[in-house]
Amino acid sequence: MDMEVKAPTKAIVSDTFGNEVIINRVNNNLNLSLKLAGEGRIREIGFITMQTRVFHVSRIRSKHLFLKNNSYGFNHKILADAKLFDNVEIKDDKGCWLVPKDFILKEGKFLHFKKDGFERQIFIELEKIEQFKKQPTF
C-alpha cells in the first residue's frame, strides 16, 4: 500500500532577501526549485523521494564542479532545515554517491560567496564523499 503525501500541490518559501524555494508535489516526490531575487530564471535543485527519504541531485562536472577545491555546492538552508530526507544522492557524469545529509553539514565548508538566505551554499569535496560511492546497477 503506497502512502500518499497529504500536502499542497505547490508551496513557496521565501527568505528575507526575496529569494524563493518552490516545492511542487508530484505523487510521492517533492520537486525543489530556486528562484533568486536577482535572476529571471528558476533553477532546478532536485527532488525528494518521500518513501526512501532521499534528496536526489544531478550535476554535470564540467558545469557544476567548483575547481578550486574539487567540490560540489549545496543550498545550506535546504540541508540544515530538512525534515523530509536523511540522505543526498548525488549523480554526475562520473558516478553516483549516497551521502548522509549530516555528513555534508559536518564536513562541508562555506566559501566566500553569498552568505545569507537561500543563496548560502555549503561545499563538499569529492574526495570526502568517495566513501559513499554506489556501485552501478545493471
N, C-alpha and C. Protein backbone atom coordinates (compact mmCIF):
# COMPACT_ATOMS: atom_id res chain seq x y z
N MET A 1 0.84 -1.18 0.00
CA MET A 1 0.00 0.00 0.00
C MET A 1 0.88 1.24 0.00
N ASP A 2 0.77 2.07 -1.01
CA ASP A 2 1.56 3.30 -1.07
C ASP A 2 0.94 4.36 -0.19
N MET A 3 1.79 5.01 0.59
CA MET A 3 1.33 6.14 1.39
C MET A 3 1.49 7.40 0.56
N GLU A 4 0.43 8.15 0.43
CA GLU A 4 0.49 9.38 -0.34
C GLU A 4 0.73 10.55 0.59
N VAL A 5 1.59 11.46 0.18
CA VAL A 5 1.87 12.65 0.96
C VAL A 5 0.65 13.55 0.90
N LYS A 6 0.12 13.91 2.04
CA LYS A 6 -1.03 14.82 2.11
C LYS A 6 -0.49 16.23 2.32
N ALA A 7 -0.14 16.87 1.24
CA ALA A 7 0.42 18.22 1.29
C ALA A 7 -0.10 18.99 0.10
N PRO A 8 0.00 20.30 0.15
CA PRO A 8 -0.41 21.08 -1.02
C PRO A 8 0.40 20.66 -2.24
N THR A 9 -0.19 20.86 -3.42
CA THR A 9 0.49 20.52 -4.66
C THR A 9 1.70 21.42 -4.88
N LYS A 10 1.60 22.68 -4.43
CA LYS A 10 2.71 23.62 -4.61
C LYS A 10 2.84 24.50 -3.38
N ALA A 11 4.10 24.74 -2.98
CA ALA A 11 4.37 25.65 -1.87
C ALA A 11 5.57 26.51 -2.24
N ILE A 12 5.57 27.74 -1.76
CA ILE A 12 6.69 28.65 -1.98
C ILE A 12 7.15 29.16 -0.63
N VAL A 13 8.45 29.03 -0.38
CA VAL A 13 9.05 29.52 0.86
C VAL A 13 10.01 30.63 0.48
N SER A 14 9.85 31.80 1.11
CA SER A 14 10.69 32.96 0.79
C SER A 14 11.64 33.27 1.94
N ASP A 15 12.80 33.81 1.59
CA ASP A 15 13.70 34.32 2.63
C ASP A 15 13.56 35.84 2.69
N THR A 16 14.28 36.48 3.58
CA THR A 16 14.15 37.93 3.77
C THR A 16 14.77 38.73 2.63
N PHE A 17 15.45 38.08 1.68
CA PHE A 17 16.10 38.75 0.57
C PHE A 17 15.29 38.66 -0.72
N GLY A 18 14.12 38.03 -0.66
CA GLY A 18 13.27 37.91 -1.84
C GLY A 18 13.52 36.67 -2.67
N ASN A 19 14.41 35.80 -2.21
CA ASN A 19 14.66 34.53 -2.90
C ASN A 19 13.56 33.55 -2.50
N GLU A 20 13.27 32.59 -3.39
CA GLU A 20 12.20 31.63 -3.13
C GLU A 20 12.63 30.21 -3.44
N VAL A 21 12.24 29.29 -2.56
CA VAL A 21 12.31 27.86 -2.86
C VAL A 21 10.89 27.45 -3.21
N ILE A 22 10.76 26.85 -4.37
CA ILE A 22 9.45 26.42 -4.88
C ILE A 22 9.40 24.90 -4.77
N ILE A 23 8.36 24.40 -4.11
CA ILE A 23 8.21 22.97 -3.87
C ILE A 23 6.94 22.51 -4.57
N ASN A 24 7.10 21.59 -5.51
CA ASN A 24 5.96 21.01 -6.24
C ASN A 24 5.85 19.54 -5.89
N ARG A 25 4.67 19.13 -5.45
CA ARG A 25 4.44 17.72 -5.14
C ARG A 25 3.93 17.02 -6.38
N VAL A 26 4.61 15.93 -6.75
CA VAL A 26 4.18 15.07 -7.85
C VAL A 26 4.17 13.65 -7.29
N ASN A 27 2.96 13.13 -7.05
CA ASN A 27 2.79 11.83 -6.39
C ASN A 27 3.51 11.86 -5.05
N ASN A 28 4.46 10.97 -4.82
CA ASN A 28 5.19 10.95 -3.54
C ASN A 28 6.57 11.58 -3.64
N ASN A 29 6.78 12.42 -4.64
CA ASN A 29 8.03 13.16 -4.79
C ASN A 29 7.77 14.64 -4.58
N LEU A 30 8.79 15.32 -4.05
CA LEU A 30 8.75 16.77 -3.93
C LEU A 30 9.86 17.33 -4.80
N ASN A 31 9.50 18.09 -5.83
CA ASN A 31 10.48 18.73 -6.71
C ASN A 31 10.81 20.10 -6.13
N LEU A 32 12.11 20.39 -5.98
CA LEU A 32 12.56 21.65 -5.41
C LEU A 32 13.25 22.50 -6.47
N SER A 33 12.87 23.77 -6.52
CA SER A 33 13.47 24.74 -7.43
C SER A 33 13.82 25.99 -6.64
N LEU A 34 14.73 26.78 -7.18
CA LEU A 34 15.17 28.01 -6.53
C LEU A 34 14.98 29.17 -7.49
N LYS A 35 14.35 30.22 -7.00
CA LYS A 35 14.18 31.47 -7.76
C LYS A 35 14.89 32.56 -6.97
N LEU A 36 16.05 33.00 -7.48
CA LEU A 36 16.79 34.06 -6.82
C LEU A 36 16.21 35.41 -7.21
N ALA A 37 16.17 36.32 -6.26
CA ALA A 37 15.55 37.63 -6.47
C ALA A 37 16.17 38.38 -7.65
N GLY A 38 17.47 38.25 -7.85
CA GLY A 38 18.15 39.00 -8.90
C GLY A 38 18.18 38.32 -10.25
N GLU A 39 17.51 37.18 -10.39
CA GLU A 39 17.53 36.43 -11.65
C GLU A 39 16.12 36.22 -12.17
N GLY A 40 16.00 36.14 -13.46
CA GLY A 40 14.70 35.91 -14.07
C GLY A 40 14.35 34.44 -14.24
N ARG A 41 15.31 33.58 -14.02
CA ARG A 41 15.05 32.15 -14.27
C ARG A 41 14.90 31.37 -12.97
N ILE A 42 14.33 30.19 -13.09
CA ILE A 42 14.17 29.28 -11.96
C ILE A 42 15.18 28.15 -12.13
N ARG A 43 15.91 27.86 -11.07
CA ARG A 43 16.92 26.78 -11.09
C ARG A 43 16.34 25.52 -10.45
N GLU A 44 16.44 24.43 -11.18
CA GLU A 44 16.01 23.15 -10.62
C GLU A 44 17.07 22.69 -9.62
N ILE A 45 16.66 22.35 -8.40
CA ILE A 45 17.61 21.92 -7.37
C ILE A 45 17.68 20.40 -7.33
N GLY A 46 16.54 19.75 -7.30
CA GLY A 46 16.49 18.30 -7.21
C GLY A 46 15.12 17.87 -6.75
N PHE A 47 14.99 16.61 -6.32
CA PHE A 47 13.71 16.13 -5.83
C PHE A 47 13.91 15.19 -4.66
N ILE A 48 12.91 15.16 -3.79
CA ILE A 48 12.92 14.28 -2.62
C ILE A 48 11.96 13.14 -2.89
N THR A 49 12.46 11.90 -2.73
CA THR A 49 11.59 10.73 -2.78
C THR A 49 11.13 10.47 -1.35
N MET A 50 9.85 10.66 -1.11
CA MET A 50 9.32 10.59 0.25
C MET A 50 9.48 9.20 0.87
N GLN A 51 9.24 8.15 0.09
CA GLN A 51 9.32 6.79 0.63
C GLN A 51 10.70 6.44 1.14
N THR A 52 11.74 6.85 0.42
CA THR A 52 13.10 6.48 0.79
C THR A 52 13.81 7.57 1.59
N ARG A 53 13.19 8.76 1.68
CA ARG A 53 13.76 9.90 2.40
C ARG A 53 15.13 10.30 1.82
N VAL A 54 15.18 10.32 0.47
CA VAL A 54 16.41 10.66 -0.25
C VAL A 54 16.16 11.91 -1.09
N PHE A 55 17.11 12.85 -1.02
CA PHE A 55 17.11 14.06 -1.85
C PHE A 55 18.04 13.79 -3.01
N HIS A 56 17.50 13.77 -4.24
CA HIS A 56 18.26 13.44 -5.44
C HIS A 56 18.70 14.72 -6.14
N VAL A 57 20.00 14.83 -6.41
CA VAL A 57 20.52 15.97 -7.17
C VAL A 57 21.40 15.45 -8.29
N SER A 58 21.37 16.14 -9.42
CA SER A 58 22.20 15.79 -10.58
C SER A 58 23.17 16.92 -10.84
N ARG A 59 24.38 16.56 -11.22
CA ARG A 59 25.41 17.54 -11.52
C ARG A 59 26.11 17.16 -12.82
N ILE A 60 26.62 18.16 -13.51
CA ILE A 60 27.49 17.96 -14.66
C ILE A 60 28.84 18.52 -14.23
N ARG A 61 29.85 17.66 -14.15
CA ARG A 61 31.14 18.10 -13.61
C ARG A 61 31.69 19.35 -14.29
N SER A 62 31.64 19.37 -15.60
CA SER A 62 32.24 20.50 -16.32
C SER A 62 31.50 21.81 -16.03
N LYS A 63 30.29 21.73 -15.55
CA LYS A 63 29.49 22.92 -15.29
C LYS A 63 29.39 23.25 -13.79
N HIS A 64 29.23 22.24 -12.94
CA HIS A 64 28.90 22.47 -11.54
C HIS A 64 30.06 22.28 -10.55
N LEU A 65 31.12 21.61 -10.96
CA LEU A 65 32.21 21.34 -10.03
C LEU A 65 33.00 22.62 -9.75
N PHE A 66 33.17 22.95 -8.47
CA PHE A 66 33.98 24.09 -8.07
C PHE A 66 35.43 23.61 -8.10
N LEU A 67 36.18 24.05 -9.10
CA LEU A 67 37.52 23.51 -9.36
C LEU A 67 38.54 23.83 -8.28
N LYS A 68 38.40 24.98 -7.63
CA LYS A 68 39.39 25.41 -6.64
C LYS A 68 39.61 24.35 -5.56
N ASN A 69 38.55 23.71 -5.11
CA ASN A 69 38.73 22.65 -4.11
C ASN A 69 38.01 21.35 -4.49
N ASN A 70 37.69 21.19 -5.79
CA ASN A 70 37.13 19.95 -6.30
C ASN A 70 35.87 19.54 -5.52
N SER A 71 34.89 20.44 -5.49
CA SER A 71 33.72 20.19 -4.65
C SER A 71 32.43 20.59 -5.36
N TYR A 72 31.33 20.06 -4.83
CA TYR A 72 30.00 20.46 -5.25
C TYR A 72 29.36 21.28 -4.15
N GLY A 73 28.58 22.29 -4.56
CA GLY A 73 27.89 23.13 -3.61
C GLY A 73 26.43 22.72 -3.46
N PHE A 74 25.91 22.93 -2.26
CA PHE A 74 24.53 22.62 -1.94
C PHE A 74 23.91 23.79 -1.19
N ASN A 75 22.63 23.97 -1.37
CA ASN A 75 21.91 25.00 -0.66
C ASN A 75 21.91 24.65 0.84
N HIS A 76 22.59 25.46 1.62
CA HIS A 76 22.75 25.16 3.04
C HIS A 76 21.41 25.15 3.78
N LYS A 77 20.56 26.09 3.49
CA LYS A 77 19.28 26.19 4.21
C LYS A 77 18.43 24.95 3.99
N ILE A 78 18.39 24.45 2.77
CA ILE A 78 17.60 23.25 2.49
C ILE A 78 18.14 22.06 3.27
N LEU A 79 19.46 21.89 3.31
CA LEU A 79 20.04 20.78 4.06
C LEU A 79 19.84 20.95 5.56
N ALA A 80 20.11 22.14 6.07
CA ALA A 80 20.06 22.37 7.52
C ALA A 80 18.64 22.26 8.07
N ASP A 81 17.64 22.67 7.29
CA ASP A 81 16.26 22.66 7.76
C ASP A 81 15.49 21.40 7.38
N ALA A 82 16.14 20.48 6.67
CA ALA A 82 15.45 19.31 6.14
C ALA A 82 14.88 18.41 7.23
N LYS A 83 13.62 18.08 7.03
CA LYS A 83 12.96 17.13 7.92
C LYS A 83 12.41 15.94 7.13
N LEU A 84 12.45 16.04 5.80
CA LEU A 84 11.85 15.01 4.95
C LEU A 84 12.86 14.10 4.27
N PHE A 85 14.17 14.36 4.46
CA PHE A 85 15.18 13.47 3.88
C PHE A 85 16.38 13.37 4.82
N ASP A 86 17.03 12.20 4.72
CA ASP A 86 18.20 11.91 5.57
C ASP A 86 19.48 11.79 4.75
N ASN A 87 19.33 11.46 3.46
CA ASN A 87 20.47 11.24 2.59
C ASN A 87 20.32 12.05 1.31
N VAL A 88 21.48 12.35 0.70
CA VAL A 88 21.51 13.07 -0.57
C VAL A 88 22.16 12.15 -1.60
N GLU A 89 21.43 11.86 -2.66
CA GLU A 89 22.00 11.09 -3.76
C GLU A 89 22.53 12.08 -4.79
N ILE A 90 23.84 12.05 -4.99
CA ILE A 90 24.50 12.94 -5.94
C ILE A 90 24.86 12.11 -7.16
N LYS A 91 24.34 12.50 -8.32
CA LYS A 91 24.69 11.82 -9.57
C LYS A 91 25.38 12.82 -10.47
N ASP A 92 26.49 12.38 -11.05
CA ASP A 92 27.12 13.19 -12.09
C ASP A 92 27.56 12.27 -13.20
N ASP A 93 28.27 12.80 -14.18
CA ASP A 93 28.67 12.02 -15.33
C ASP A 93 29.79 11.02 -15.02
N LYS A 94 30.27 10.99 -13.78
CA LYS A 94 31.34 10.06 -13.40
C LYS A 94 30.92 9.05 -12.34
N GLY A 95 29.73 9.23 -11.73
CA GLY A 95 29.32 8.28 -10.71
C GLY A 95 28.10 8.73 -9.93
N CYS A 96 27.84 7.98 -8.86
CA CYS A 96 26.68 8.23 -8.01
C CYS A 96 27.08 7.96 -6.56
N TRP A 97 26.68 8.84 -5.66
CA TRP A 97 27.03 8.74 -4.25
C TRP A 97 25.77 8.92 -3.42
N LEU A 98 25.61 8.15 -2.37
CA LEU A 98 24.50 8.31 -1.42
C LEU A 98 25.12 8.77 -0.11
N VAL A 99 25.03 10.07 0.12
CA VAL A 99 25.75 10.72 1.22
C VAL A 99 24.77 11.15 2.31
N PRO A 100 25.05 10.80 3.57
CA PRO A 100 24.18 11.30 4.65
C PRO A 100 24.18 12.83 4.68
N LYS A 101 23.00 13.38 4.81
CA LYS A 101 22.84 14.84 4.89
C LYS A 101 23.72 15.42 6.00
N ASP A 102 23.73 14.76 7.15
CA ASP A 102 24.50 15.26 8.29
C ASP A 102 26.01 15.26 8.01
N PHE A 103 26.48 14.34 7.16
CA PHE A 103 27.90 14.31 6.79
C PHE A 103 28.25 15.58 6.00
N ILE A 104 27.39 15.96 5.07
CA ILE A 104 27.64 17.17 4.28
C ILE A 104 27.66 18.39 5.20
N LEU A 105 26.71 18.45 6.13
CA LEU A 105 26.64 19.59 7.05
C LEU A 105 27.86 19.65 7.97
N LYS A 106 28.37 18.49 8.37
CA LYS A 106 29.51 18.44 9.29
C LYS A 106 30.84 18.66 8.57
N GLU A 107 31.02 18.02 7.42
CA GLU A 107 32.30 18.04 6.73
C GLU A 107 32.41 19.12 5.65
N GLY A 108 31.28 19.69 5.26
CA GLY A 108 31.29 20.70 4.21
C GLY A 108 31.88 22.02 4.68
N LYS A 109 32.22 22.87 3.71
CA LYS A 109 32.83 24.16 4.01
C LYS A 109 32.06 25.28 3.29
N PHE A 110 32.02 26.41 3.96
CA PHE A 110 31.44 27.60 3.34
C PHE A 110 32.56 28.36 2.66
N LEU A 111 32.29 28.85 1.47
CA LEU A 111 33.28 29.64 0.75
C LEU A 111 32.81 31.09 0.69
N HIS A 112 33.60 31.94 0.11
CA HIS A 112 33.32 33.37 0.15
C HIS A 112 32.35 33.81 -0.95
N PHE A 113 31.17 33.21 -0.93
CA PHE A 113 30.11 33.61 -1.83
C PHE A 113 29.02 34.23 -0.98
N LYS A 114 27.83 34.27 -1.51
CA LYS A 114 26.70 34.80 -0.74
C LYS A 114 26.55 34.02 0.55
N LYS A 115 26.32 34.73 1.63
CA LYS A 115 26.29 34.09 2.94
C LYS A 115 24.92 34.15 3.61
N ASP A 116 23.91 34.65 2.91
CA ASP A 116 22.63 34.85 3.53
C ASP A 116 21.52 34.13 2.79
N GLY A 117 20.45 33.82 3.52
CA GLY A 117 19.24 33.28 2.91
C GLY A 117 19.48 32.02 2.09
N PHE A 118 18.69 31.91 1.02
CA PHE A 118 18.75 30.72 0.18
C PHE A 118 19.96 30.70 -0.74
N GLU A 119 20.73 31.76 -0.79
CA GLU A 119 21.91 31.79 -1.66
C GLU A 119 23.14 31.16 -0.99
N ARG A 120 23.11 30.98 0.31
CA ARG A 120 24.26 30.42 1.02
C ARG A 120 24.45 28.96 0.63
N GLN A 121 25.69 28.63 0.26
CA GLN A 121 26.00 27.25 -0.14
C GLN A 121 27.06 26.65 0.75
N ILE A 122 26.95 25.34 0.93
CA ILE A 122 27.97 24.57 1.63
C ILE A 122 28.57 23.62 0.59
N PHE A 123 29.90 23.52 0.58
CA PHE A 123 30.61 22.74 -0.43
C PHE A 123 31.23 21.50 0.20
N ILE A 124 31.08 20.37 -0.48
CA ILE A 124 31.69 19.12 -0.03
C ILE A 124 32.62 18.61 -1.13
N GLU A 125 33.85 18.29 -0.73
CA GLU A 125 34.86 17.84 -1.69
C GLU A 125 34.57 16.41 -2.14
N LEU A 126 34.86 16.15 -3.41
CA LEU A 126 34.61 14.82 -3.97
C LEU A 126 35.39 13.74 -3.22
N GLU A 127 36.59 14.06 -2.80
CA GLU A 127 37.37 13.03 -2.09
C GLU A 127 36.71 12.64 -0.77
N LYS A 128 35.98 13.54 -0.15
CA LYS A 128 35.30 13.21 1.11
C LYS A 128 34.08 12.34 0.90
N ILE A 129 33.41 12.49 -0.24
CA ILE A 129 32.21 11.68 -0.46
C ILE A 129 32.50 10.35 -1.16
N GLU A 130 33.74 10.15 -1.57
CA GLU A 130 34.09 8.93 -2.31
C GLU A 130 33.73 7.67 -1.53
N GLN A 131 33.79 7.72 -0.22
CA GLN A 131 33.45 6.55 0.61
C GLN A 131 31.97 6.15 0.48
N PHE A 132 31.14 7.04 -0.06
CA PHE A 132 29.71 6.78 -0.20
C PHE A 132 29.32 6.42 -1.64
N LYS A 133 30.32 6.13 -2.47
CA LYS A 133 30.05 5.82 -3.89
C LYS A 133 29.22 4.56 -4.01
N LYS A 134 28.19 4.64 -4.85
CA LYS A 134 27.33 3.50 -5.11
C LYS A 134 27.86 2.70 -6.28
N GLN A 135 27.71 1.41 -6.22
CA GLN A 135 28.09 0.55 -7.33
C GLN A 135 27.00 0.61 -8.38
N PRO A 136 27.37 0.64 -9.65
CA PRO A 136 26.35 0.70 -10.70
C PRO A 136 25.50 -0.55 -10.69
N THR A 137 24.21 -0.36 -10.98
CA THR A 137 23.30 -1.50 -11.10
C THR A 137 22.93 -1.65 -12.57
N PHE A 138 23.01 -2.87 -13.04
CA PHE A 138 22.75 -3.14 -14.45
C PHE A 138 21.47 -3.91 -14.63
